[in-house]
């Protein structure tokens, strides 16, 4: 019974229903800003980090890398807002479904 109550509480939580919209927004941000180096739909990154393999439990590492840059990747902290980086994270962790 607690499990059902917890699932209902999560489903009713603010933002839960908006998650697919945020993933879609992340896909658009990715296509515009990340795909030139990481490849369309995170496929064939041609030397850039393969984001399909990014550890799903390392959200802070992702945020730091995007915000401050890493290796050859420039920092995006002055370009992307925190909510855009969050949408990007949701897209990367959702993975391509097509």
N, C-alpha and C. Protein backbone atom coordinates (compact mmCIF):
# COMPACT_ATOMS: atom_id res chain seq x y z
N UNK A 1 0.83 -1.18 0.00
CA UNK A 1 0.00 0.00 0.00
C UNK A 1 0.88 1.25 0.00
N UNK A 2 1.97 1.24 0.76
CA UNK A 2 2.87 2.40 0.77
C UNK A 2 3.48 2.64 -0.60
N UNK A 3 3.78 1.56 -1.30
CA UNK A 3 4.37 1.69 -2.62
C UNK A 3 3.40 2.40 -3.57
N UNK A 4 2.15 2.04 -3.52
CA UNK A 4 1.15 2.68 -4.37
C UNK A 4 1.00 4.15 -4.00
N UNK A 5 0.95 4.43 -2.71
CA UNK A 5 0.83 5.82 -2.26
C UNK A 5 2.04 6.63 -2.70
N UNK A 6 3.21 6.05 -2.61
CA UNK A 6 4.43 6.75 -3.04
C UNK A 6 4.42 7.01 -4.54
N UNK A 7 3.97 6.03 -5.31
CA UNK A 7 3.90 6.21 -6.76
C UNK A 7 2.89 7.29 -7.13
N UNK A 8 1.77 7.31 -6.45
CA UNK A 8 0.77 8.34 -6.71
C UNK A 8 1.29 9.72 -6.34
N UNK A 9 1.99 9.81 -5.23
CA UNK A 9 2.54 11.10 -4.81
C UNK A 9 3.55 11.59 -5.84
N UNK A 10 4.37 10.68 -6.36
CA UNK A 10 5.36 11.06 -7.36
C UNK A 10 4.67 11.50 -8.65
N UNK A 11 3.66 10.76 -9.07
CA UNK A 11 2.95 11.09 -10.30
C UNK A 11 2.25 12.44 -10.20
N UNK A 12 1.86 12.81 -9.01
CA UNK A 12 1.17 14.09 -8.81
C UNK A 12 2.13 15.23 -8.49
N UNK A 13 3.40 14.91 -8.34
CA UNK A 13 4.39 15.93 -7.99
C UNK A 13 4.52 16.95 -9.11
N UNK A 14 4.76 18.22 -8.76
CA UNK A 14 4.93 19.24 -9.79
C UNK A 14 6.08 18.87 -10.72
N UNK A 15 5.85 19.02 -12.00
CA UNK A 15 6.90 18.76 -12.98
C UNK A 15 6.93 17.34 -13.51
N UNK A 16 6.28 16.40 -12.83
CA UNK A 16 6.35 15.01 -13.28
C UNK A 16 5.72 14.87 -14.66
N UNK A 17 4.54 15.43 -14.84
CA UNK A 17 3.85 15.33 -16.12
C UNK A 17 4.59 16.11 -17.21
N UNK A 18 5.40 17.07 -16.83
CA UNK A 18 6.12 17.89 -17.79
C UNK A 18 7.43 17.25 -18.23
N UNK A 19 7.80 16.13 -17.64
CA UNK A 19 9.08 15.49 -17.94
C UNK A 19 9.27 15.23 -19.44
N UNK A 20 8.28 14.65 -20.15
CA UNK A 20 8.49 14.44 -21.59
C UNK A 20 8.75 15.75 -22.33
N UNK A 21 8.10 16.82 -21.93
CA UNK A 21 8.34 18.12 -22.55
C UNK A 21 9.76 18.60 -22.29
N UNK A 22 10.27 18.32 -21.10
CA UNK A 22 11.63 18.74 -20.76
C UNK A 22 12.65 17.91 -21.52
N UNK A 23 12.37 16.62 -21.73
CA UNK A 23 13.25 15.78 -22.53
C UNK A 23 13.26 16.29 -23.97
N UNK A 24 12.10 16.65 -24.49
CA UNK A 24 12.00 17.20 -25.85
C UNK A 24 12.79 18.51 -25.95
N UNK A 25 12.66 19.35 -24.94
CA UNK A 25 13.42 20.61 -24.92
C UNK A 25 14.92 20.30 -24.90
N UNK A 26 15.31 19.30 -24.12
CA UNK A 26 16.71 18.89 -24.06
C UNK A 26 17.21 18.40 -25.41
N UNK A 27 16.35 17.67 -26.14
CA UNK A 27 16.71 17.19 -27.47
C UNK A 27 16.95 18.37 -28.42
N UNK A 28 16.13 19.39 -28.31
CA UNK A 28 16.30 20.57 -29.15
C UNK A 28 17.58 21.33 -28.81
N UNK A 29 17.87 21.45 -27.51
CA UNK A 29 19.10 22.11 -27.07
C UNK A 29 20.31 21.30 -27.56
N UNK A 30 20.21 19.99 -27.42
CA UNK A 30 21.28 19.10 -27.87
C UNK A 30 21.52 19.28 -29.37
N UNK A 31 20.45 19.23 -30.16
CA UNK A 31 20.58 19.34 -31.62
C UNK A 31 21.24 20.65 -32.02
N UNK A 32 20.89 21.70 -31.32
CA UNK A 32 21.40 23.04 -31.65
C UNK A 32 22.84 23.24 -31.19
N UNK A 33 23.18 22.74 -30.00
CA UNK A 33 24.47 23.08 -29.40
C UNK A 33 25.48 21.94 -29.31
N UNK A 34 25.00 20.73 -29.17
CA UNK A 34 25.90 19.61 -28.86
C UNK A 34 26.17 18.69 -30.04
N UNK A 35 25.19 18.56 -30.93
CA UNK A 35 25.32 17.58 -32.01
C UNK A 35 26.49 17.84 -32.96
N UNK A 36 26.92 19.09 -33.16
CA UNK A 36 28.07 19.25 -34.06
C UNK A 36 29.31 18.47 -33.62
N UNK A 37 29.49 18.29 -32.32
CA UNK A 37 30.66 17.55 -31.83
C UNK A 37 30.30 16.14 -31.36
N UNK A 38 29.16 15.99 -30.70
CA UNK A 38 28.79 14.70 -30.12
C UNK A 38 27.96 13.84 -31.06
N UNK A 39 27.62 14.35 -32.22
CA UNK A 39 26.89 13.59 -33.21
C UNK A 39 25.38 13.72 -33.05
N UNK A 40 24.70 13.57 -34.17
CA UNK A 40 23.23 13.60 -34.13
C UNK A 40 22.73 12.43 -33.31
N UNK A 41 21.83 12.72 -32.40
CA UNK A 41 21.21 11.70 -31.54
C UNK A 41 22.25 10.90 -30.74
N UNK A 42 23.36 11.55 -30.44
CA UNK A 42 24.45 10.96 -29.64
C UNK A 42 25.09 9.77 -30.33
N UNK A 43 24.96 9.69 -31.65
CA UNK A 43 25.56 8.60 -32.41
C UNK A 43 26.75 9.13 -33.18
N UNK A 44 27.79 8.30 -33.31
CA UNK A 44 28.98 8.63 -34.07
C UNK A 44 29.60 9.95 -33.62
N UNK A 45 30.08 10.00 -32.38
CA UNK A 45 30.62 11.25 -31.86
C UNK A 45 31.94 11.71 -32.47
N UNK A 46 32.58 10.93 -33.31
CA UNK A 46 33.82 11.31 -33.99
C UNK A 46 34.85 11.95 -33.06
N UNK A 47 35.16 11.28 -31.98
CA UNK A 47 36.20 11.74 -31.08
C UNK A 47 35.69 12.41 -29.82
N UNK A 48 34.49 12.98 -29.85
CA UNK A 48 33.93 13.57 -28.64
C UNK A 48 33.41 12.44 -27.75
N UNK A 49 33.23 12.73 -26.48
CA UNK A 49 32.73 11.73 -25.54
C UNK A 49 31.39 11.18 -26.00
N UNK A 50 31.23 9.87 -25.94
CA UNK A 50 29.99 9.20 -26.32
C UNK A 50 29.00 9.36 -25.17
N UNK A 51 28.07 10.29 -25.31
CA UNK A 51 27.14 10.60 -24.22
C UNK A 51 26.17 9.47 -23.92
N UNK A 52 26.03 8.50 -24.83
CA UNK A 52 25.19 7.34 -24.54
C UNK A 52 25.77 6.53 -23.40
N UNK A 53 27.07 6.70 -23.17
CA UNK A 53 27.76 5.95 -22.11
C UNK A 53 27.97 6.77 -20.83
N UNK A 54 27.43 7.98 -20.80
CA UNK A 54 27.62 8.81 -19.61
C UNK A 54 26.93 8.16 -18.42
N UNK A 55 27.64 8.00 -17.30
CA UNK A 55 27.04 7.35 -16.12
C UNK A 55 25.80 8.09 -15.62
N UNK A 56 24.70 7.39 -15.52
CA UNK A 56 23.42 7.98 -15.14
C UNK A 56 23.38 8.45 -13.69
N UNK A 57 24.35 8.02 -12.92
CA UNK A 57 24.38 8.42 -11.50
C UNK A 57 25.36 9.57 -11.26
N UNK A 58 25.80 10.24 -12.32
CA UNK A 58 26.79 11.30 -12.18
C UNK A 58 26.28 12.63 -12.75
N UNK A 59 25.10 13.02 -12.28
CA UNK A 59 24.46 14.26 -12.72
C UNK A 59 25.36 15.47 -12.46
N UNK A 60 25.94 15.57 -11.29
CA UNK A 60 26.79 16.73 -10.96
C UNK A 60 28.00 16.81 -11.87
N UNK A 61 28.57 15.66 -12.21
CA UNK A 61 29.71 15.64 -13.14
C UNK A 61 29.28 16.19 -14.50
N UNK A 62 28.11 15.80 -14.95
CA UNK A 62 27.57 16.29 -16.22
C UNK A 62 27.41 17.81 -16.17
N UNK A 63 26.78 18.30 -15.10
CA UNK A 63 26.57 19.75 -14.95
C UNK A 63 27.89 20.51 -14.93
N UNK A 64 28.85 19.99 -14.21
CA UNK A 64 30.16 20.64 -14.14
C UNK A 64 30.84 20.66 -15.51
N UNK A 65 30.79 19.53 -16.21
CA UNK A 65 31.42 19.44 -17.53
C UNK A 65 30.78 20.41 -18.52
N UNK A 66 29.45 20.48 -18.51
CA UNK A 66 28.76 21.37 -19.44
C UNK A 66 29.00 22.83 -19.05
N UNK A 67 28.92 23.13 -17.78
CA UNK A 67 29.07 24.51 -17.32
C UNK A 67 30.49 25.03 -17.49
N UNK A 68 31.47 24.24 -17.10
CA UNK A 68 32.86 24.70 -17.10
C UNK A 68 33.69 24.23 -18.28
N UNK A 69 33.16 23.26 -19.03
CA UNK A 69 33.92 22.68 -20.13
C UNK A 69 34.81 21.56 -19.64
N UNK A 70 35.29 20.77 -20.59
CA UNK A 70 36.17 19.66 -20.22
C UNK A 70 36.98 19.26 -21.45
N UNK A 71 38.27 19.14 -21.27
CA UNK A 71 39.18 18.82 -22.37
C UNK A 71 38.95 19.80 -23.53
N UNK A 72 38.58 19.31 -24.71
CA UNK A 72 38.38 20.19 -25.87
C UNK A 72 37.01 20.85 -25.89
N UNK A 73 36.11 20.43 -25.00
CA UNK A 73 34.77 21.02 -24.98
C UNK A 73 34.79 22.36 -24.27
N UNK A 74 34.26 23.39 -24.92
CA UNK A 74 34.24 24.71 -24.28
C UNK A 74 33.18 24.78 -23.18
N UNK A 75 33.30 25.74 -22.28
CA UNK A 75 32.28 25.91 -21.24
C UNK A 75 30.99 26.48 -21.84
N UNK A 76 29.86 25.98 -21.36
CA UNK A 76 28.55 26.44 -21.83
C UNK A 76 27.79 27.18 -20.74
N UNK A 77 28.42 27.40 -19.60
CA UNK A 77 27.75 28.04 -18.48
C UNK A 77 27.27 29.45 -18.76
N UNK A 78 27.92 30.17 -19.67
CA UNK A 78 27.48 31.52 -20.02
C UNK A 78 26.47 31.51 -21.16
N UNK A 79 26.26 30.35 -21.77
CA UNK A 79 25.35 30.23 -22.91
C UNK A 79 24.02 29.60 -22.49
N UNK A 80 24.11 28.52 -21.71
CA UNK A 80 22.91 27.79 -21.30
C UNK A 80 22.51 28.11 -19.87
N UNK A 81 21.24 28.25 -19.65
CA UNK A 81 20.70 28.47 -18.31
C UNK A 81 20.67 27.14 -17.57
N UNK A 82 20.68 27.17 -16.23
CA UNK A 82 20.64 25.91 -15.47
C UNK A 82 19.46 25.01 -15.86
N UNK A 83 18.29 25.58 -16.13
CA UNK A 83 17.15 24.75 -16.51
C UNK A 83 17.35 24.13 -17.90
N UNK A 84 18.14 24.77 -18.75
CA UNK A 84 18.45 24.19 -20.06
C UNK A 84 19.43 23.03 -19.91
N UNK A 85 20.38 23.18 -19.00
CA UNK A 85 21.33 22.09 -18.73
C UNK A 85 20.58 20.91 -18.11
N UNK A 86 19.62 21.19 -17.25
CA UNK A 86 18.79 20.13 -16.66
C UNK A 86 18.01 19.40 -17.75
N UNK A 87 17.43 20.13 -18.69
CA UNK A 87 16.70 19.51 -19.80
C UNK A 87 17.65 18.67 -20.65
N UNK A 88 18.85 19.17 -20.86
CA UNK A 88 19.86 18.43 -21.59
C UNK A 88 20.21 17.13 -20.88
N UNK A 89 20.36 17.21 -19.56
CA UNK A 89 20.64 16.02 -18.75
C UNK A 89 19.50 15.01 -18.88
N UNK A 90 18.27 15.47 -18.82
CA UNK A 90 17.13 14.57 -18.96
C UNK A 90 17.13 13.90 -20.33
N UNK A 91 17.48 14.64 -21.36
CA UNK A 91 17.56 14.07 -22.70
C UNK A 91 18.65 13.01 -22.77
N UNK A 92 19.83 13.34 -22.26
CA UNK A 92 20.96 12.39 -22.32
C UNK A 92 20.64 11.13 -21.53
N UNK A 93 20.06 11.27 -20.36
CA UNK A 93 19.77 10.08 -19.55
C UNK A 93 18.58 9.29 -20.06
N UNK A 94 17.67 9.95 -20.80
CA UNK A 94 16.54 9.23 -21.38
C UNK A 94 17.00 8.36 -22.54
N UNK A 95 18.05 8.79 -23.21
CA UNK A 95 18.53 8.05 -24.36
C UNK A 95 17.58 8.17 -25.54
N UNK A 96 18.05 7.83 -26.70
CA UNK A 96 17.21 7.90 -27.89
C UNK A 96 16.22 6.75 -27.88
N UNK A 97 15.01 7.03 -28.24
CA UNK A 97 13.94 6.03 -28.26
C UNK A 97 13.58 5.58 -29.67
N UNK A 98 14.08 6.28 -30.67
CA UNK A 98 13.71 5.95 -32.05
C UNK A 98 14.53 4.80 -32.58
